[in-house]
Amino acid sequence: MSEPTLFEPTTGTLLEAAGEALRFPVHRVYCVGQNYAAHAREMGVVERQPPFFFSKPPDAPIQAASVAFPPETANLHYEVELVVALGRGGRAIAEGDALDCVYGYAVGVDLTRRDLQTEAKEKGRPWDVAKGFDQSAPLSVIRRAEDIGHPDRGCIELDVDGESRQSGDLSDMIWPVPAIIAQLSKFFVLCPGDLLFTGTPEGVGPLRRGARVECRIEGVASHQFRIGEPS
């Protein structure tokens, strides 16, 4: 029997997984920054540096066909990414054991209030309002690793209104998926239901209201959505 609460708990985020009757329950959402060298350069980082981590709230992921344009920004940006969905977790996971924790993969977009992120960087403040807003992590159906394997190469792309904006390859990641899991598990106890957004290739840019976004990763999944009015 569950413990009584002062008010009805907010329902957790449940995602569709291909070939499954049951839903994938989201625990936490972790993101890797500057995991593609070319993207790091376009963001003003000249020297190659290890990627760093930030997070989004567990209700940020959304698989709907429409995503609300967030308030308080005039510069919403897209960042297409490989998303790793964990089915197992642990602390201090060895790199050689990391892929055993993976349930599956998806393609997702890390939506960013770039103007607020730039201001936060300049003032040395956290990025929460720039990265962790409502519906800031649209993603595709999750594909099981037992069905598609563990992709370490393949084209990753994003189009806006039918025009190519981002195109790279998973093999260009500075830290591959096993290294990300191993490093992240040094800082957090990873759990089933965790999602890992693994970084974006170069070509990030703005989105307007009404824009049609299409993203895909070769051998993994594709997804499309429109940027709607604020909810």
Protein backbone atom coordinates (compact mmCIF):
# COMPACT_ATOMS: atom_id res chain seq x y z
CA MET A 1 0.00 0.00 0.00
CA SER A 2 1.36 3.42 -0.92
CA GLU A 3 1.95 6.07 1.71
CA PRO A 4 -0.80 8.72 2.09
CA THR A 5 0.09 12.12 0.64
CA LEU A 6 -1.05 15.70 1.23
CA PHE A 7 -2.18 15.96 -2.39
CA GLU A 8 -2.34 13.77 -5.49
CA PRO A 9 1.22 13.12 -6.79
CA THR A 10 2.06 14.35 -10.27
CA THR A 11 1.99 11.48 -12.73
CA GLY A 12 5.47 10.47 -13.87
CA THR A 13 6.57 10.62 -17.50
CA LEU A 14 5.89 7.39 -19.43
CA LEU A 15 7.38 6.91 -22.90
CA GLU A 16 6.53 4.60 -25.77
CA ALA A 17 9.01 1.81 -26.51
CA ALA A 18 8.82 -0.04 -29.84
CA GLY A 19 7.50 -3.59 -29.54
CA GLU A 20 6.45 -3.18 -25.90
CA ALA A 21 2.94 -3.14 -24.46
CA LEU A 22 4.27 -1.46 -21.32
CA ARG A 23 5.65 2.08 -21.12
CA PHE A 24 9.18 3.19 -20.24
CA PRO A 25 9.06 5.19 -16.95
CA VAL A 26 11.48 8.13 -16.86
CA HIS A 27 13.59 8.49 -13.71
CA ARG A 28 16.08 11.27 -14.53
CA VAL A 29 17.36 13.05 -17.64
CA TYR A 30 21.12 13.67 -17.95
CA CYS A 31 22.75 15.59 -20.80
CA VAL A 32 26.33 15.72 -22.07
CA GLY A 33 27.69 19.09 -23.20
CA GLN A 34 30.18 19.65 -26.02
CA ASN A 35 30.60 15.98 -26.94
CA TYR A 36 31.29 16.73 -30.62
CA ALA A 37 34.45 18.74 -31.31
CA ALA A 38 32.95 20.75 -34.19
CA HIS A 39 29.98 21.83 -32.04
CA ALA A 40 32.31 22.83 -29.23
CA ARG A 41 34.17 25.08 -31.66
CA GLU A 42 30.96 26.72 -32.91
CA MET A 43 30.08 27.47 -29.27
CA GLY A 44 33.43 29.24 -28.83
CA VAL A 45 35.46 26.46 -27.19
CA VAL A 46 38.77 26.30 -29.07
CA GLU A 47 40.63 23.65 -27.08
CA ARG A 48 39.32 20.10 -27.00
CA GLN A 49 37.91 19.50 -23.53
CA PRO A 50 36.17 16.59 -21.81
CA PRO A 51 32.38 16.82 -22.05
CA PHE A 52 30.49 17.97 -18.97
CA PHE A 53 27.07 17.08 -17.57
CA PHE A 54 23.85 18.95 -16.87
CA SER A 55 20.28 17.77 -16.43
CA LYS A 56 16.66 18.33 -17.36
CA PRO A 57 13.65 17.52 -15.17
CA PRO A 58 12.06 14.08 -15.64
CA ASP A 59 8.91 15.62 -17.14
CA ALA A 60 10.85 17.38 -19.93
CA PRO A 61 10.74 14.41 -22.38
CA ILE A 62 7.79 14.46 -24.79
CA GLN A 63 6.87 12.24 -27.75
CA ALA A 64 4.01 14.39 -29.06
CA ALA A 65 3.68 15.82 -32.57
CA SER A 66 3.59 19.39 -31.22
CA VAL A 67 5.98 21.04 -28.77
CA ALA A 68 5.17 24.40 -27.19
CA PHE A 69 7.40 27.39 -27.88
CA PRO A 70 8.62 28.25 -24.37
CA PRO A 71 7.97 31.66 -22.79
CA GLU A 72 10.67 34.18 -21.87
CA THR A 73 12.94 33.57 -24.86
CA ALA A 74 13.51 35.16 -28.24
CA ASN A 75 16.11 32.60 -29.35
CA LEU A 76 15.00 28.97 -29.07
CA HIS A 77 17.62 26.55 -30.46
CA TYR A 78 17.57 22.90 -31.59
CA GLU A 79 20.29 20.32 -30.81
CA VAL A 80 19.75 16.81 -32.23
CA GLU A 81 21.15 13.98 -30.08
CA LEU A 82 21.37 10.22 -29.60
CA VAL A 83 19.37 9.36 -26.49
CA VAL A 84 20.33 6.36 -24.35
CA ALA A 85 17.59 4.75 -22.23
CA LEU A 86 18.85 2.73 -19.26
CA GLY A 87 17.22 -0.50 -18.13
CA ARG A 88 19.75 -1.09 -15.35
CA GLY A 89 21.89 1.17 -13.22
CA GLY A 90 24.55 1.33 -10.55
CA ARG A 91 27.43 3.35 -9.21
CA ALA A 92 31.00 3.39 -10.57
CA ILE A 93 30.04 1.21 -13.52
CA ALA A 94 33.03 -0.14 -15.43
CA GLU A 95 33.22 0.97 -19.05
CA GLY A 96 33.30 -2.66 -20.16
CA ASP A 97 30.00 -3.31 -18.35
CA ALA A 98 28.25 -0.09 -19.34
CA LEU A 99 26.34 -1.35 -22.39
CA ASP A 100 24.74 -4.06 -20.24
CA CYS A 101 22.80 -1.23 -18.57
CA VAL A 102 21.28 0.04 -21.82
CA TYR A 103 17.65 -0.82 -22.58
CA GLY A 104 17.52 1.04 -25.87
CA TYR A 105 18.03 4.18 -27.92
CA ALA A 106 16.09 7.06 -29.44
CA VAL A 107 16.72 10.26 -31.35
CA GLY A 108 15.93 13.41 -29.41
CA VAL A 109 16.32 17.18 -29.48
CA ASP A 110 17.76 19.21 -26.63
CA LEU A 111 15.75 22.44 -26.94
CA THR A 112 17.59 25.42 -25.48
CA ARG A 113 16.69 29.01 -24.62
CA ARG A 114 19.98 30.19 -26.10
CA ASP A 115 19.60 33.82 -25.05
CA LEU A 116 19.06 32.79 -21.43
CA GLN A 117 21.94 30.32 -21.60
CA THR A 118 24.27 33.01 -22.95
CA GLU A 119 23.25 35.37 -20.16
CA ALA A 120 23.76 32.64 -17.55
CA LYS A 121 27.25 31.88 -18.90
CA GLU A 122 28.22 35.54 -18.80
CA LYS A 123 27.06 35.88 -15.19
CA GLY A 124 28.36 32.49 -14.04
CA ARG A 125 24.86 31.28 -13.19
CA PRO A 126 23.22 27.86 -13.57
CA TRP A 127 21.58 26.86 -16.87
CA ASP A 128 18.32 25.51 -15.44
CA VAL A 129 15.92 27.99 -17.06
CA ALA A 130 17.82 27.69 -20.36
CA LYS A 131 17.77 23.89 -20.54
CA GLY A 132 15.17 22.49 -18.13
CA PHE A 133 11.88 24.05 -19.20
CA ASP A 134 8.63 22.23 -20.00
CA GLN A 135 8.72 20.00 -23.11
CA SER A 136 12.43 20.75 -23.64
CA ALA A 137 13.34 17.16 -24.59
CA PRO A 138 11.24 15.89 -27.52
CA LEU A 139 12.25 12.40 -28.61
CA SER A 140 11.23 9.43 -30.73
CA VAL A 141 9.92 6.04 -29.73
CA ILE A 142 12.63 4.13 -27.87
CA ARG A 143 14.10 1.20 -29.84
CA ARG A 144 15.38 -1.79 -27.88
CA ALA A 145 19.10 -2.52 -28.02
CA GLU A 146 18.30 -6.19 -28.48
CA ASP A 147 16.62 -5.23 -31.76
CA ILE A 148 19.04 -2.62 -33.15
CA GLY A 149 22.30 -3.30 -31.32
CA HIS A 150 24.46 -0.54 -29.81
CA PRO A 151 25.03 2.15 -32.47
CA ASP A 152 28.50 3.71 -32.42
CA ARG A 153 28.42 5.13 -35.95
CA GLY A 154 25.77 6.32 -38.36
CA CYS A 155 24.41 9.60 -39.67
CA ILE A 156 22.68 11.92 -37.19
CA GLU A 157 20.63 14.66 -38.85
CA LEU A 158 18.10 17.42 -38.24
CA ASP A 159 16.00 19.36 -40.77
CA VAL A 160 13.89 22.46 -40.21
CA ASP A 161 11.02 23.04 -42.66
CA GLY A 162 12.62 20.56 -45.05
CA GLU A 163 16.08 22.17 -45.02
CA SER A 164 19.12 20.37 -43.58
CA ARG A 165 20.51 22.14 -40.52
CA GLN A 166 22.60 19.49 -38.74
CA SER A 167 24.41 16.48 -40.17
CA GLY A 168 27.11 14.48 -38.43
CA ASP A 169 28.07 10.95 -37.46
CA LEU A 170 27.86 9.16 -34.11
CA SER A 171 31.50 8.15 -34.56
CA ASP A 172 32.43 11.84 -34.10
CA MET A 173 31.46 11.78 -30.43
CA ILE A 174 34.40 12.62 -28.15
CA TRP A 175 33.05 10.26 -25.49
CA PRO A 176 31.18 7.20 -26.80
CA VAL A 177 28.22 5.79 -24.90
CA PRO A 178 30.13 3.33 -22.63
CA ALA A 179 32.49 6.09 -21.51
CA ILE A 180 29.57 8.45 -20.82
CA ILE A 181 27.82 5.88 -18.64
CA ALA A 182 31.01 4.99 -16.77
CA GLN A 183 31.90 8.65 -16.11
CA LEU A 184 28.37 9.71 -15.16
CA SER A 185 28.07 6.82 -12.70
CA LYS A 186 31.02 8.25 -10.77
CA PHE A 187 28.86 11.24 -9.84
CA PHE A 188 25.38 9.69 -9.58
CA VAL A 189 23.79 6.35 -8.83
CA LEU A 190 22.28 5.58 -12.23
CA CYS A 191 18.87 3.90 -12.26
CA PRO A 192 16.51 2.11 -14.62
CA GLY A 193 14.52 4.79 -16.40
CA ASP A 194 17.40 7.26 -16.75
CA LEU A 195 17.75 8.97 -20.13
CA LEU A 196 21.14 10.20 -21.36
CA PHE A 197 21.25 12.86 -24.09
CA THR A 198 24.74 12.35 -25.53
CA GLY A 199 25.59 15.66 -27.22
CA THR A 200 24.99 17.30 -30.58
CA PRO A 201 26.99 17.82 -33.78
CA GLU A 202 27.60 21.25 -35.26
CA GLY A 203 24.92 23.36 -36.92
CA VAL A 204 22.71 24.34 -33.98
CA GLY A 205 20.41 27.25 -34.67
CA PRO A 206 17.09 29.01 -33.99
CA LEU A 207 13.52 27.79 -34.31
CA ARG A 208 10.46 29.95 -34.96
CA ARG A 209 6.87 29.28 -33.97
CA GLY A 210 5.29 26.93 -36.48
CA ALA A 211 8.61 25.38 -37.59
CA ARG A 212 8.54 21.70 -38.61
CA VAL A 213 11.45 19.76 -37.13
CA GLU A 214 12.54 16.37 -38.46
CA CYS A 215 15.38 14.44 -36.86
CA ARG A 216 16.81 10.99 -37.46
CA ILE A 217 19.70 8.70 -36.64
CA GLU A 218 20.68 6.00 -39.10
CA GLY A 219 19.67 2.58 -37.79
CA VAL A 220 18.02 4.01 -34.68
CA ALA A 221 14.87 6.07 -35.21
CA SER A 222 13.32 9.19 -36.69
CA HIS A 223 10.96 11.77 -35.21
CA GLN A 224 9.17 14.91 -36.26
CA PHE A 225 7.26 17.64 -34.48
CA ARG A 226 6.09 21.21 -34.88
CA ILE A 227 6.84 24.15 -32.64
CA GLY A 228 3.46 25.37 -31.43
CA GLU A 229 2.21 28.26 -29.35
CA PRO A 230 3.08 28.51 -25.64
CA SER A 231 1.00 26.18 -23.49
